[in-house]
Structure formats: structure tokens, C-alpha cells
Amino acid sequence: MSLRINDTIPDLTVETDQGTFSLHDFVGDSWVILFSHPKNFTPVCTTEFGAVAQLADEWAKRNTKVIGISVDSAEDHGKWKQDIEVVSQGAEAGFPIIADTSLEVSKAFDMLPAEAYLPDGRTPNDTATVRSVYIIAPDKTLKLSMTYPMNVGRNFAEILRALDGLQTAAEHGVATPANWQVGDDVVIPATVSAEDATTRFGQYQTVLPYLRMTKLPG
């Protein structure tokens, strides 16, 4: 199975360090960020989850839940969180982490091929592509995915920026240009007529026939 932008995520029942539930129930009416990791107790991943813990207030401001996934057991996840909270300088790792020991979630989200398995004595290299970020909308559709190598830590400022862009686009029916930040001008989609653009946004700048920039209403 492959999962692409705007596909509905599979409604899998997952075991986590905070209990068992369905992914769709977890999403509920919120935005969700799913972070995947190839193994517990690995250096780069531990720093990443520490960063996630430190951003708890930022996720809450954006009506966004965070859920991790690693292909180790829920018991191990609980132990790993003690290390995560050391790296996060005491910020609580309050998010659940999926125990994907069967690789069901990793394969359903197209992180690993269907024939992948966990060999005895495995290393993170055996599940190297389980290093992805997914942003999921309240309607349970996938809106963004990023996959990183094991030797490059994820940029959480960019993940927040992308989340802001997705939420802004969804709320206002616009697009965001390169390097957009909250408060910057936005792009009027080409599908919006000149008349509708004026009605919705008032004055706007036509940079090119197909590129119109405007401030967000309000």
C-alpha cells in the first residue's frame, strides 16, 4: 500500500505506551503530527523527541496532537522517555509512542517495503526509512510528509512553519509562497477568478498573470 497527499490515513488499531486505540479516534477533531523512528535509545531520535516535548505549548496553540512511532515495544518506549526528558531539560514527553513491533504501521504509511522484517540483533539500519514526519488534518487525510536520513536531525521550526502554512491554507483558501511565515502575504490560487479575488481579499498585487499576492483578511 502507498500513501499519498490527500489520501485518508488507515484506521489502524495501535498499541502505545499510553494504551491501545485507533488512529482515527486519536486524530478526532485535531491536527496530528506523526513522527517515526527506526529504534529506541538512538542519539539523533532522542534529541528529536526532546525537541517535540519542549514544543508542547506550540502544538497546543495549533490544536495539534503529537504521536510518535518506533519499532520497539511499549515497555521500551516508557523507559526511553526517561532519556528523552533528560535531553528536553525536564520537559514532559507527554505524547504517546506507537509500538510498531509488527511493522504494520510502518508498511501502511509506506515507510518500509511489504517484505521488510525485523531480524535478530537488528540495528537502526534495518528500518532506516522509518524516519518520517506526517502531518494529518482533522478529516484524517495526509497533508504533508517528509523523510530524513538517520544522520540528519529534523528541523522542528520548519515543521511548525509547514503546519502553520497548512492551517492557513485550509482556513482561508490560499496558498503560501517560498519561505512563508505567519503574517507574510499569501498567494491567491489560480482557480480563483479576478472578481472573486477582489470580493474575498480586496486589493491584491499581480506579480505575474498566474501569481497574485495578497494579505490575509483581518
N, C-alpha and C. Protein backbone atom coordinates (compact mmCIF):
# COMPACT_ATOMS: atom_id res chain seq x y z
N MET A 1 0.84 -1.19 0.00
CA MET A 1 0.00 0.00 0.00
C MET A 1 0.88 1.25 0.00
N SER A 2 0.54 2.24 -0.79
CA SER A 2 1.24 3.52 -0.76
C SER A 2 0.28 4.59 -0.26
N LEU A 3 0.83 5.59 0.43
CA LEU A 3 0.01 6.65 1.00
C LEU A 3 0.49 7.97 0.42
N ARG A 4 -0.42 8.71 -0.21
CA ARG A 4 -0.06 9.94 -0.89
C ARG A 4 -0.83 11.12 -0.29
N ILE A 5 -0.40 12.33 -0.64
CA ILE A 5 -1.05 13.53 -0.14
C ILE A 5 -2.54 13.49 -0.47
N ASN A 6 -3.36 13.83 0.50
CA ASN A 6 -4.82 13.87 0.46
C ASN A 6 -5.47 12.49 0.56
N ASP A 7 -4.67 11.42 0.69
CA ASP A 7 -5.25 10.12 0.99
C ASP A 7 -5.71 10.09 2.45
N THR A 8 -6.75 9.33 2.72
CA THR A 8 -7.17 9.09 4.10
C THR A 8 -6.22 8.09 4.74
N ILE A 9 -5.74 8.43 5.93
CA ILE A 9 -4.80 7.51 6.59
C ILE A 9 -5.54 6.24 7.01
N PRO A 10 -4.84 5.12 7.07
CA PRO A 10 -5.50 3.88 7.50
C PRO A 10 -5.92 3.97 8.96
N ASP A 11 -7.09 3.43 9.27
CA ASP A 11 -7.60 3.48 10.65
C ASP A 11 -7.13 2.24 11.39
N LEU A 12 -5.83 2.20 11.66
CA LEU A 12 -5.24 1.05 12.34
C LEU A 12 -5.45 1.16 13.85
N THR A 13 -5.57 0.01 14.50
CA THR A 13 -5.55 -0.03 15.96
C THR A 13 -4.11 -0.19 16.40
N VAL A 14 -3.62 0.73 17.22
CA VAL A 14 -2.21 0.76 17.57
C VAL A 14 -2.03 0.60 19.08
N GLU A 15 -0.97 -0.10 19.44
CA GLU A 15 -0.56 -0.21 20.85
C GLU A 15 0.48 0.86 21.13
N THR A 16 0.31 1.60 22.22
CA THR A 16 1.26 2.64 22.59
C THR A 16 1.61 2.51 24.07
N ASP A 17 2.54 3.33 24.51
CA ASP A 17 2.86 3.36 25.94
C ASP A 17 1.75 4.00 26.76
N GLN A 18 0.73 4.55 26.09
CA GLN A 18 -0.41 5.16 26.78
C GLN A 18 -1.72 4.42 26.48
N GLY A 19 -1.61 3.17 26.07
CA GLY A 19 -2.81 2.38 25.82
C GLY A 19 -3.00 2.08 24.34
N THR A 20 -4.08 1.36 24.04
CA THR A 20 -4.40 0.93 22.68
C THR A 20 -5.61 1.71 22.17
N PHE A 21 -5.52 2.22 20.93
CA PHE A 21 -6.62 2.99 20.36
C PHE A 21 -6.49 2.98 18.85
N SER A 22 -7.53 3.46 18.15
CA SER A 22 -7.47 3.56 16.70
C SER A 22 -6.88 4.91 16.31
N LEU A 23 -6.19 4.95 15.19
CA LEU A 23 -5.59 6.20 14.73
C LEU A 23 -6.65 7.26 14.45
N HIS A 24 -7.77 6.87 13.87
CA HIS A 24 -8.81 7.85 13.58
C HIS A 24 -9.40 8.43 14.88
N ASP A 25 -9.57 7.59 15.89
CA ASP A 25 -10.05 8.10 17.17
C ASP A 25 -9.04 9.06 17.77
N PHE A 26 -7.76 8.76 17.61
CA PHE A 26 -6.73 9.64 18.15
C PHE A 26 -6.77 11.00 17.46
N VAL A 27 -6.93 11.01 16.15
CA VAL A 27 -7.00 12.28 15.42
C VAL A 27 -8.18 13.09 15.90
N GLY A 28 -9.36 12.47 15.98
CA GLY A 28 -10.54 13.20 16.43
C GLY A 28 -10.78 14.43 15.58
N ASP A 29 -10.87 15.60 16.22
CA ASP A 29 -11.08 16.87 15.52
C ASP A 29 -9.81 17.71 15.48
N SER A 30 -8.68 17.10 15.68
CA SER A 30 -7.41 17.82 15.77
C SER A 30 -6.55 17.60 14.54
N TRP A 31 -5.55 18.45 14.38
CA TRP A 31 -4.42 18.16 13.50
C TRP A 31 -3.49 17.22 14.26
N VAL A 32 -2.77 16.40 13.53
CA VAL A 32 -1.86 15.44 14.16
C VAL A 32 -0.52 15.44 13.44
N ILE A 33 0.54 15.34 14.23
CA ILE A 33 1.87 15.13 13.66
C ILE A 33 2.37 13.78 14.13
N LEU A 34 2.67 12.91 13.18
CA LEU A 34 3.20 11.58 13.46
C LEU A 34 4.69 11.57 13.12
N PHE A 35 5.52 11.26 14.12
CA PHE A 35 6.97 11.18 13.92
C PHE A 35 7.38 9.72 14.02
N SER A 36 8.12 9.24 13.06
CA SER A 36 8.55 7.84 13.12
C SER A 36 10.06 7.74 13.36
N HIS A 37 10.43 6.67 14.05
CA HIS A 37 11.82 6.46 14.46
C HIS A 37 12.19 4.99 14.28
N PRO A 38 13.40 4.69 13.77
CA PRO A 38 13.76 3.31 13.46
C PRO A 38 14.13 2.47 14.68
N LYS A 39 14.42 3.12 15.82
CA LYS A 39 14.81 2.34 17.00
C LYS A 39 14.84 3.26 18.22
N ASN A 40 14.50 2.71 19.37
CA ASN A 40 14.63 3.44 20.62
C ASN A 40 16.10 3.56 21.03
N PHE A 41 16.36 4.49 21.93
CA PHE A 41 17.69 4.66 22.51
C PHE A 41 18.76 4.92 21.44
N THR A 42 18.38 5.73 20.43
CA THR A 42 19.34 6.14 19.41
C THR A 42 19.55 7.65 19.55
N PRO A 43 20.76 8.14 19.26
CA PRO A 43 21.10 9.52 19.65
C PRO A 43 20.30 10.61 18.96
N VAL A 44 20.20 10.56 17.62
CA VAL A 44 19.50 11.64 16.91
C VAL A 44 18.02 11.63 17.26
N CYS A 45 17.42 10.47 17.29
CA CYS A 45 15.99 10.37 17.59
C CYS A 45 15.67 10.88 18.99
N THR A 46 16.55 10.63 19.94
CA THR A 46 16.33 11.09 21.30
C THR A 46 16.33 12.62 21.36
N THR A 47 17.24 13.25 20.63
CA THR A 47 17.24 14.72 20.59
C THR A 47 15.97 15.25 19.93
N GLU A 48 15.48 14.54 18.92
CA GLU A 48 14.27 14.98 18.23
C GLU A 48 13.05 14.92 19.14
N PHE A 49 12.89 13.81 19.84
CA PHE A 49 11.75 13.71 20.75
C PHE A 49 11.88 14.70 21.90
N GLY A 50 13.11 15.01 22.31
CA GLY A 50 13.29 16.07 23.30
C GLY A 50 12.78 17.39 22.78
N ALA A 51 13.06 17.69 21.52
CA ALA A 51 12.56 18.93 20.90
C ALA A 51 11.05 18.94 20.83
N VAL A 52 10.45 17.80 20.50
CA VAL A 52 8.99 17.69 20.45
C VAL A 52 8.39 18.00 21.83
N ALA A 53 8.99 17.45 22.87
CA ALA A 53 8.49 17.69 24.23
C ALA A 53 8.56 19.17 24.59
N GLN A 54 9.63 19.84 24.20
CA GLN A 54 9.79 21.26 24.51
C GLN A 54 8.77 22.13 23.79
N LEU A 55 8.20 21.64 22.71
CA LEU A 55 7.25 22.42 21.92
C LEU A 55 5.79 22.14 22.28
N ALA A 56 5.55 21.56 23.44
CA ALA A 56 4.18 21.17 23.81
C ALA A 56 3.21 22.35 23.72
N ASP A 57 3.62 23.53 24.18
CA ASP A 57 2.73 24.68 24.13
C ASP A 57 2.43 25.11 22.69
N GLU A 58 3.42 24.98 21.81
CA GLU A 58 3.22 25.36 20.41
C GLU A 58 2.24 24.41 19.74
N TRP A 59 2.34 23.12 20.02
CA TRP A 59 1.37 22.16 19.44
C TRP A 59 -0.03 22.50 19.94
N ALA A 60 -0.15 22.79 21.23
CA ALA A 60 -1.48 23.07 21.80
C ALA A 60 -2.10 24.32 21.17
N LYS A 61 -1.29 25.35 20.92
CA LYS A 61 -1.80 26.57 20.29
C LYS A 61 -2.42 26.29 18.93
N ARG A 62 -1.92 25.27 18.28
CA ARG A 62 -2.35 24.95 16.92
C ARG A 62 -3.35 23.80 16.87
N ASN A 63 -3.95 23.45 18.02
CA ASN A 63 -4.91 22.34 18.07
C ASN A 63 -4.32 21.09 17.44
N THR A 64 -3.08 20.79 17.82
CA THR A 64 -2.33 19.70 17.19
C THR A 64 -1.86 18.70 18.23
N LYS A 65 -2.12 17.43 17.95
CA LYS A 65 -1.61 16.35 18.79
C LYS A 65 -0.35 15.77 18.15
N VAL A 66 0.53 15.25 18.97
CA VAL A 66 1.74 14.61 18.50
C VAL A 66 1.70 13.14 18.90
N ILE A 67 2.11 12.27 17.99
CA ILE A 67 2.24 10.86 18.31
C ILE A 67 3.50 10.33 17.64
N GLY A 68 4.28 9.59 18.39
CA GLY A 68 5.50 9.01 17.85
C GLY A 68 5.27 7.57 17.44
N ILE A 69 6.24 7.03 16.75
CA ILE A 69 6.22 5.60 16.41
C ILE A 69 7.65 5.11 16.36
N SER A 70 7.89 3.96 16.98
CA SER A 70 9.18 3.29 16.88
C SER A 70 8.91 1.80 16.85
N VAL A 71 9.79 1.06 16.21
CA VAL A 71 9.52 -0.37 16.02
C VAL A 71 10.07 -1.18 17.19
N ASP A 72 9.86 -0.65 18.39
CA ASP A 72 10.20 -1.34 19.62
C ASP A 72 8.95 -1.42 20.50
N SER A 73 9.08 -2.05 21.66
CA SER A 73 7.90 -2.34 22.48
C SER A 73 7.44 -1.12 23.27
N ALA A 74 6.17 -1.17 23.69
CA ALA A 74 5.62 -0.09 24.52
C ALA A 74 6.37 0.02 25.84
N GLU A 75 6.80 -1.11 26.38
CA GLU A 75 7.59 -1.08 27.62
C GLU A 75 8.90 -0.33 27.42
N ASP A 76 9.56 -0.58 26.30
CA ASP A 76 10.79 0.13 25.97
C ASP A 76 10.54 1.63 25.79
N HIS A 77 9.38 1.97 25.20
CA HIS A 77 9.05 3.38 24.99
C HIS A 77 9.01 4.12 26.33
N GLY A 78 8.40 3.49 27.34
CA GLY A 78 8.32 4.12 28.65
C GLY A 78 9.71 4.37 29.24
N LYS A 79 10.61 3.42 29.06
CA LYS A 79 11.98 3.59 29.55
C LYS A 79 12.71 4.67 28.75
N TRP A 80 12.47 4.70 27.43
CA TRP A 80 13.14 5.68 26.56
C TRP A 80 12.73 7.10 26.94
N LYS A 81 11.49 7.27 27.37
CA LYS A 81 11.02 8.61 27.71
C LYS A 81 11.81 9.23 28.87
N GLN A 82 12.38 8.39 29.72
CA GLN A 82 13.21 8.93 30.79
C GLN A 82 14.44 9.63 30.20
N ASP A 83 15.02 9.04 29.16
CA ASP A 83 16.16 9.67 28.47
C ASP A 83 15.70 10.91 27.70
N ILE A 84 14.54 10.82 27.07
CA ILE A 84 14.01 11.95 26.30
C ILE A 84 13.84 13.17 27.20
N GLU A 85 13.35 12.94 28.42
CA GLU A 85 13.12 14.06 29.33
C GLU A 85 14.42 14.64 29.88
N VAL A 86 15.49 13.85 29.88
CA VAL A 86 16.81 14.39 30.22
C VAL A 86 17.26 15.35 29.11
N VAL A 87 17.12 14.92 27.87
CA VAL A 87 17.55 15.73 26.72
C VAL A 87 16.67 16.97 26.59
N SER A 88 15.40 16.87 26.95
CA SER A 88 14.48 18.00 26.82
C SER A 88 14.59 18.97 27.99
N GLN A 89 15.56 18.74 28.86
CA GLN A 89 15.78 19.59 30.03
C GLN A 89 14.55 19.62 30.94
N GLY A 90 13.94 18.45 31.07
CA GLY A 90 12.84 18.30 32.02
C GLY A 90 11.45 18.46 31.43
N ALA A 91 11.34 18.86 30.16
CA ALA A 91 10.01 18.95 29.54
C ALA A 91 9.40 17.56 29.46
N GLU A 92 8.14 17.44 29.86
CA GLU A 92 7.49 16.13 29.89
C GLU A 92 7.24 15.61 28.49
N ALA A 93 7.59 14.35 28.26
CA ALA A 93 7.28 13.70 26.98
C ALA A 93 5.88 13.12 27.10
N GLY A 94 4.88 13.98 27.01
CA GLY A 94 3.50 13.58 27.29
C GLY A 94 2.77 12.93 26.13
N PHE A 95 3.42 12.79 24.99
CA PHE A 95 2.78 12.23 23.81
C PHE A 95 2.93 10.71 23.81
N PRO A 96 1.98 9.98 23.19
CA PRO A 96 2.12 8.52 23.08
C PRO A 96 3.12 8.14 21.99
N ILE A 97 3.70 6.97 22.14
CA ILE A 97 4.59 6.41 21.11
C ILE A 97 4.07 5.03 20.74
N ILE A 98 3.79 4.85 19.45
CA ILE A 98 3.29 3.57 18.95
C ILE A 98 4.39 2.52 19.00
N ALA A 99 4.02 1.32 19.46
CA ALA A 99 4.93 0.18 19.47
C ALA A 99 4.67 -0.64 18.20
N ASP A 100 5.43 -0.34 17.16
CA ASP A 100 5.17 -0.96 15.85
C ASP A 100 6.06 -2.18 15.64
N THR A 101 6.02 -3.12 16.58
CA THR A 101 6.90 -4.28 16.50
C THR A 101 6.56 -5.19 15.33
N SER A 102 5.33 -5.12 14.84
CA SER A 102 4.93 -5.93 13.69
C SER A 102 5.22 -5.23 12.36
N LEU A 103 5.61 -3.96 12.42
CA LEU A 103 5.84 -3.11 11.24
C LEU A 103 4.56 -2.79 10.48
N GLU A 104 3.40 -3.07 11.08
CA GLU A 104 2.15 -2.83 10.37
C GLU A 104 1.97 -1.36 10.00
N VAL A 105 2.24 -0.47 10.96
CA VAL A 105 2.06 0.95 10.71
C VAL A 105 3.12 1.46 9.73
N SER A 106 4.36 1.03 9.92
CA SER A 106 5.45 1.46 9.03
C SER A 106 5.18 1.08 7.58
N LYS A 107 4.61 -0.08 7.37
CA LYS A 107 4.30 -0.52 6.00
C LYS A 107 3.05 0.19 5.47
N ALA A 108 2.06 0.39 6.33
CA ALA A 108 0.82 1.06 5.88
C ALA A 108 1.09 2.50 5.46
N PHE A 109 2.06 3.14 6.10
CA PHE A 109 2.42 4.52 5.76
C PHE A 109 3.54 4.58 4.73
N ASP A 110 3.85 3.43 4.14
CA ASP A 110 4.81 3.38 3.03
C ASP A 110 6.23 3.76 3.44
N MET A 111 6.57 3.52 4.71
CA MET A 111 7.95 3.76 5.15
C MET A 111 8.85 2.58 4.81
N LEU A 112 8.29 1.39 4.83
CA LEU A 112 9.05 0.17 4.58
C LEU A 112 8.35 -0.68 3.52
N PRO A 113 9.13 -1.46 2.76
CA PRO A 113 8.50 -2.35 1.78
C PRO A 113 7.73 -3.48 2.46
N ALA A 114 6.82 -4.07 1.72
CA ALA A 114 5.94 -5.10 2.28
C ALA A 114 6.72 -6.28 2.81
N GLU A 115 7.91 -6.57 2.23
CA GLU A 115 8.68 -7.74 2.64
C GLU A 115 9.61 -7.46 3.82
N ALA A 116 9.62 -6.25 4.34
CA ALA A 116 10.53 -5.90 5.44
C ALA A 116 10.19 -6.71 6.69
N TYR A 117 11.21 -7.02 7.48
CA TYR A 117 11.02 -7.74 8.73
C TYR A 117 12.12 -7.31 9.69
N LEU A 118 11.96 -7.65 10.97
CA LEU A 118 12.95 -7.29 11.99
C LEU A 118 13.84 -8.50 12.26
N PRO A 119 15.09 -8.50 11.79
CA PRO A 119 15.98 -9.63 12.03
C PRO A 119 16.48 -9.65 13.47
N ASP A 120 16.94 -10.79 13.91
CA ASP A 120 17.55 -10.88 15.24
C ASP A 120 18.78 -9.98 15.28
N GLY A 121 18.95 -9.33 16.41
CA GLY A 121 20.12 -8.47 16.57
C GLY A 121 20.11 -7.28 15.63
N ARG A 122 18.94 -6.81 15.27
CA ARG A 122 18.84 -5.75 14.28
C ARG A 122 19.50 -4.47 14.76
N THR A 123 19.79 -3.61 13.82
CA THR A 123 20.29 -2.27 14.09
C THR A 123 19.32 -1.26 13.46
N PRO A 124 19.47 0.03 13.73
CA PRO A 124 18.60 1.01 13.09
C PRO A 124 18.66 0.95 11.56
N ASN A 125 19.76 0.48 11.01
CA ASN A 125 19.86 0.38 9.55
C ASN A 125 18.81 -0.53 8.95
N ASP A 126 18.33 -1.50 9.72
CA ASP A 126 17.33 -2.43 9.20
C ASP A 126 15.97 -1.76 8.99
N THR A 127 15.74 -0.65 9.66
CA THR A 127 14.48 0.09 9.49
C THR A 127 14.79 1.56 9.23
N ALA A 128 15.79 1.80 8.41
CA ALA A 128 16.33 3.15 8.23
C ALA A 128 15.31 4.14 7.68
N THR A 129 14.40 3.70 6.83
CA THR A 129 13.45 4.66 6.25
C THR A 129 12.30 5.00 7.19
N VAL A 130 12.29 4.39 8.39
CA VAL A 130 11.31 4.80 9.39
C VAL A 130 11.87 6.05 10.09
N ARG A 131 11.97 7.12 9.31
CA ARG A 131 12.49 8.41 9.78
C ARG A 131 11.68 9.49 9.08
N SER A 132 10.38 9.45 9.29
CA SER A 132 9.47 10.30 8.54
C SER A 132 8.62 11.16 9.47
N VAL A 133 8.10 12.24 8.90
CA VAL A 133 7.14 13.11 9.57
C VAL A 133 5.89 13.17 8.70
N TYR A 134 4.73 13.03 9.32
CA TYR A 134 3.46 13.14 8.61
C TYR A 134 2.60 14.17 9.33
N ILE A 135 2.00 15.07 8.57
CA ILE A 135 1.02 16.00 9.13
C ILE A 135 -0.35 15.57 8.60
N ILE A 136 -1.27 15.33 9.53
CA ILE A 136 -2.59 14.79 9.22
C ILE A 136 -3.64 15.80 9.65
N ALA A 137 -4.61 16.06 8.77
CA ALA A 137 -5.66 17.04 9.03
C ALA A 137 -6.79 16.42 9.85
N PRO A 138 -7.67 17.23 10.42
CA PRO A 138 -8.80 16.69 11.19
C PRO A 138 -9.72 15.77 10.38
N ASP A 139 -9.70 15.90 9.05
CA ASP A 139 -10.53 15.00 8.24
C ASP A 139 -9.84 13.66 7.98
N LYS A 140 -8.72 13.42 8.68
CA LYS A 140 -7.97 12.15 8.62
C LYS A 140 -7.22 11.97 7.31
N THR A 141 -6.98 13.04 6.57
CA THR A 141 -6.21 12.92 5.33
C THR A 141 -4.78 13.39 5.56
N LEU A 142 -3.87 12.79 4.82
CA LEU A 142 -2.46 13.14 4.90
C LEU A 142 -2.24 14.43 4.12
N LYS A 143 -1.63 15.42 4.76
CA LYS A 143 -1.41 16.72 4.13
C LYS A 143 0.06 17.00 3.82
N LEU A 144 0.98 16.32 4.48
CA LEU A 144 2.40 16.56 4.24
C LEU A 144 3.19 15.38 4.75
N SER A 145 4.27 15.05 4.05
CA SER A 145 5.20 14.03 4.54
C SER A 145 6.62 14.45 4.23
N MET A 146 7.53 14.15 5.14
CA MET A 146 8.96 14.41 4.95
C MET A 146 9.71 13.18 5.45
N THR A 147 10.73 12.76 4.73
CA THR A 147 11.54 11.63 5.16
C THR A 147 13.00 12.06 5.23
N TYR A 148 13.64 11.72 6.34
CA TYR A 148 15.01 12.13 6.62
C TYR A 148 15.92 10.91 6.72
N PRO A 149 17.21 11.10 6.43
CA PRO A 149 18.18 10.04 6.71
C PRO A 149 18.46 9.99 8.21
N MET A 150 19.15 8.95 8.65
CA MET A 150 19.38 8.79 10.08
C MET A 150 20.40 9.77 10.64
N ASN A 151 21.22 10.36 9.78
CA ASN A 151 22.30 11.22 10.29
C ASN A 151 21.98 12.71 10.21
N VAL A 152 20.72 13.06 9.93
CA VAL A 152 20.31 14.47 9.89
C VAL A 152 19.06 14.63 10.77
N GLY A 153 19.20 15.42 11.83
CA GLY A 153 18.07 15.66 12.71
C GLY A 153 17.01 16.52 12.04
N ARG A 154 15.78 16.31 12.41
CA ARG A 154 14.67 17.05 11.81
C ARG A 154 14.61 18.49 12.34
N ASN A 155 14.17 19.39 11.47
CA ASN A 155 14.09 20.82 11.78
C ASN A 155 12.67 21.14 12.25
N PHE A 156 12.49 21.32 13.54
CA PHE A 156 11.14 21.50 14.07
C PHE A 156 10.60 22.90 13.83
N ALA A 157 11.47 23.86 13.60
CA ALA A 157 10.99 25.18 13.18
C ALA A 157 10.31 25.06 11.82
N GLU A 158 10.87 24.25 10.93
CA GLU A 158 10.26 24.05 9.61
C GLU A 158 8.95 23.27 9.73
N ILE A 159 8.91 22.30 10.62
CA ILE A 159 7.67 21.54 10.79
C ILE A 159 6.55 22.44 11.32
N LEU A 160 6.88 23.32 12.27
CA LEU A 160 5.88 24.29 12.75
C LEU A 160 5.46 25.23 11.62
N ARG A 161 6.44 25.70 10.83
CA ARG A 161 6.13 26.60 9.72
C ARG A 161 5.20 25.92 8.71
N ALA A 162 5.50 24.66 8.39
CA ALA A 162 4.67 23.93 7.45
C ALA A 162 3.26 23.72 8.00
N LEU A 163 3.17 23.42 9.30
CA LEU A 163 1.86 23.26 9.93
C LEU A 163 1.07 24.56 9.87
N ASP A 164 1.73 25.68 10.16
CA ASP A 164 1.06 26.98 10.05
C ASP A 164 0.57 27.23 8.63
N GLY A 165 1.40 26.88 7.64
CA GLY A 165 1.01 27.07 6.26
C GLY A 165 -0.20 26.24 5.88
N LEU A 166 -0.20 24.98 6.31
CA LEU A 166 -1.33 24.10 6.01
C LEU A 166 -2.61 24.60 6.66
N GLN A 167 -2.52 25.03 7.91
CA GLN A 167 -3.71 25.50 8.60
C GLN A 167 -4.22 26.80 8.00
N THR A 168 -3.30 27.68 7.60
CA THR A 168 -3.69 28.94 6.96
C THR A 168 -4.37 28.67 5.62
N ALA A 169 -3.78 27.78 4.84
CA ALA A 169 -4.35 27.44 3.54
C ALA A 169 -5.75 26.83 3.69
N ALA A 170 -5.90 25.96 4.67
CA ALA A 170 -7.19 25.30 4.88
C ALA A 170 -8.26 26.29 5.34
N GLU A 171 -7.88 27.22 6.19
CA GLU A 171 -8.86 28.16 6.74
C GLU A 171 -9.27 29.23 5.75
N HIS A 172 -8.32 29.71 4.92
CA HIS A 172 -8.58 30.87 4.09
C HIS A 172 -8.63 30.56 2.58
N GLY A 173 -8.37 29.33 2.18
CA GLY A 173 -8.43 29.01 0.76
C GLY A 173 -7.34 29.70 -0.04
N VAL A 174 -6.13 29.77 0.52
CA VAL A 174 -5.00 30.40 -0.15
C VAL A 174 -3.85 29.40 -0.23
N ALA A 175 -2.74 29.85 -0.81
CA ALA A 175 -1.50 29.08 -0.81
C ALA A 175 -0.42 29.96 -0.19
N THR A 176 0.70 29.36 0.18
CA THR A 176 1.79 30.13 0.78
C THR A 176 3.03 30.05 -0.09
N PRO A 177 3.75 31.17 -0.27
CA PRO A 177 4.93 31.17 -1.13
C PRO A 177 6.15 30.61 -0.41
N ALA A 178 7.27 30.57 -1.12
CA ALA A 178 8.52 30.09 -0.55
C ALA A 178 8.88 30.88 0.70
N ASN A 179 9.34 30.16 1.71
CA ASN A 179 9.85 30.76 2.95
C ASN A 179 8.79 31.54 3.72
N TRP A 180 7.53 31.28 3.46
CA TRP A 180 6.43 31.99 4.11
C TRP A 180 6.48 31.81 5.62
N GLN A 181 6.17 32.91 6.32
CA GLN A 181 6.00 32.88 7.78
C GLN A 181 4.66 33.53 8.11
N VAL A 182 4.12 33.21 9.28
CA VAL A 182 2.85 33.79 9.71
C VAL A 182 2.93 35.32 9.66
N GLY A 183 1.96 35.94 9.01
CA GLY A 183 1.95 37.39 8.85
C GLY A 183 2.38 37.86 7.47
N ASP A 184 3.10 36.99 6.73
CA ASP A 184 3.52 37.35 5.37
C ASP A 184 2.33 37.30 4.41
N ASP A 185 2.51 37.95 3.25
CA ASP A 185 1.49 37.86 2.21
C ASP A 185 1.36 36.42 1.72
N VAL A 186 0.19 36.12 1.18
CA VAL A 186 -0.10 34.77 0.68
C VAL A 186 -0.44 34.82 -0.80
N VAL A 187 -0.52 33.66 -1.40
CA VAL A 187 -0.80 33.53 -2.83
C VAL A 187 -2.29 33.24 -3.03
N ILE A 188 -2.89 33.95 -3.96
CA ILE A 188 -4.27 33.66 -4.36
C ILE A 188 -4.23 32.53 -5.39
N PRO A 189 -4.90 31.42 -5.16
CA PRO A 189 -4.85 30.31 -6.10
C PRO A 189 -5.31 30.71 -7.50
N ALA A 190 -4.71 30.10 -8.50
CA ALA A 190 -5.05 30.41 -9.89
C ALA A 190 -6.49 30.10 -10.22
N THR A 191 -7.12 29.21 -9.44
CA THR A 191 -8.51 28.83 -9.69
C THR A 191 -9.50 29.90 -9.26
N VAL A 192 -9.05 30.91 -8.52
CA VAL A 192 -9.92 31.99 -8.05
C VAL A 192 -9.95 33.09 -9.12
N SER A 193 -11.13 33.44 -9.58
CA SER A 193 -11.26 34.47 -10.62
C SER A 193 -10.88 35.84 -10.06
N ALA A 194 -10.60 36.78 -10.96
CA ALA A 194 -10.26 38.14 -10.54
C ALA A 194 -11.39 38.75 -9.72
N GLU A 195 -12.64 38.52 -10.16
CA GLU A 195 -13.79 39.06 -9.44
C GLU A 195 -13.87 38.50 -8.03
N ASP A 196 -13.74 37.17 -7.92
CA ASP A 196 -13.80 36.54 -6.60
C ASP A 196 -12.63 36.96 -5.73
N ALA A 197 -11.46 37.12 -6.34
CA ALA A 197 -10.29 37.55 -5.57
C ALA A 197 -10.53 38.93 -4.95
N THR A 198 -11.11 39.84 -5.71
CA THR A 198 -11.41 41.17 -5.19
C THR A 198 -12.45 41.11 -4.08
N THR A 199 -13.47 40.27 -4.28
CA THR A 199 -14.51 40.14 -3.26
C THR A 199 -13.94 39.57 -1.96
N ARG A 200 -13.07 38.59 -2.09
CA ARG A 200 -12.57 37.91 -0.89
C ARG A 200 -11.42 38.65 -0.21
N PHE A 201 -10.56 39.26 -1.03
CA PHE A 201 -9.32 39.80 -0.47
C PHE A 201 -9.17 41.32 -0.63
N GLY A 202 -10.04 41.95 -1.40
CA GLY A 202 -9.87 43.38 -1.65
C GLY A 202 -8.73 43.60 -2.63
N GLN A 203 -7.87 44.54 -2.33
CA GLN A 203 -6.74 44.82 -3.21
C GLN A 203 -5.72 43.68 -3.14
N TYR A 204 -5.11 43.40 -4.29
CA TYR A 204 -4.04 42.40 -4.33
C TYR A 204 -3.05 42.81 -5.40
N GLN A 205 -1.87 42.21 -5.35
CA GLN A 205 -0.80 42.54 -6.29
C GLN A 205 -0.67 41.44 -7.33
N THR A 206 -0.71 41.82 -8.60
CA THR A 206 -0.48 40.85 -9.68
C THR A 206 1.00 40.93 -10.07
N VAL A 207 1.76 39.96 -9.63
CA VAL A 207 3.20 39.91 -9.92
C VAL A 207 3.42 39.37 -11.32
N LEU A 208 2.70 38.33 -11.65
CA LEU A 208 2.68 37.69 -12.97
C LEU A 208 1.24 37.31 -13.24
N PRO A 209 0.88 37.05 -14.49
CA PRO A 209 -0.52 36.69 -14.75
C PRO A 209 -1.03 35.54 -13.88
N TYR A 210 -0.13 34.65 -13.48
CA TYR A 210 -0.52 33.49 -12.69
C TYR A 210 -0.06 33.59 -11.23
N LEU A 211 0.51 34.74 -10.83
CA LEU A 211 0.98 34.91 -9.47
C LEU A 211 0.41 36.19 -8.86
N ARG A 212 -0.56 36.01 -7.96
CA ARG A 212 -1.20 37.15 -7.30
C ARG A 212 -0.98 37.03 -5.79
N MET A 213 -0.51 38.11 -5.20
CA MET A 213 -0.20 38.12 -3.77
C MET A 213 -1.17 39.03 -3.03
N THR A 214 -1.50 38.66 -1.80
CA THR A 214 -2.43 39.45 -1.01
C THR A 214 -2.17 39.24 0.47
N LYS A 215 -2.68 40.15 1.28
CA LYS A 215 -2.67 39.96 2.71
C LYS A 215 -3.90 39.15 3.10
N LEU A 216 -3.76 38.38 4.19
CA LEU A 216 -4.92 37.65 4.67
C LEU A 216 -5.98 38.60 5.20
N PRO A 217 -7.25 38.30 4.99
CA PRO A 217 -8.31 39.13 5.56
C PRO A 217 -8.16 39.22 7.08
N GLY A 218 -8.29 40.42 7.59
CA GLY A 218 -8.22 40.62 9.03
C GLY A 218 -6.81 40.67 9.55
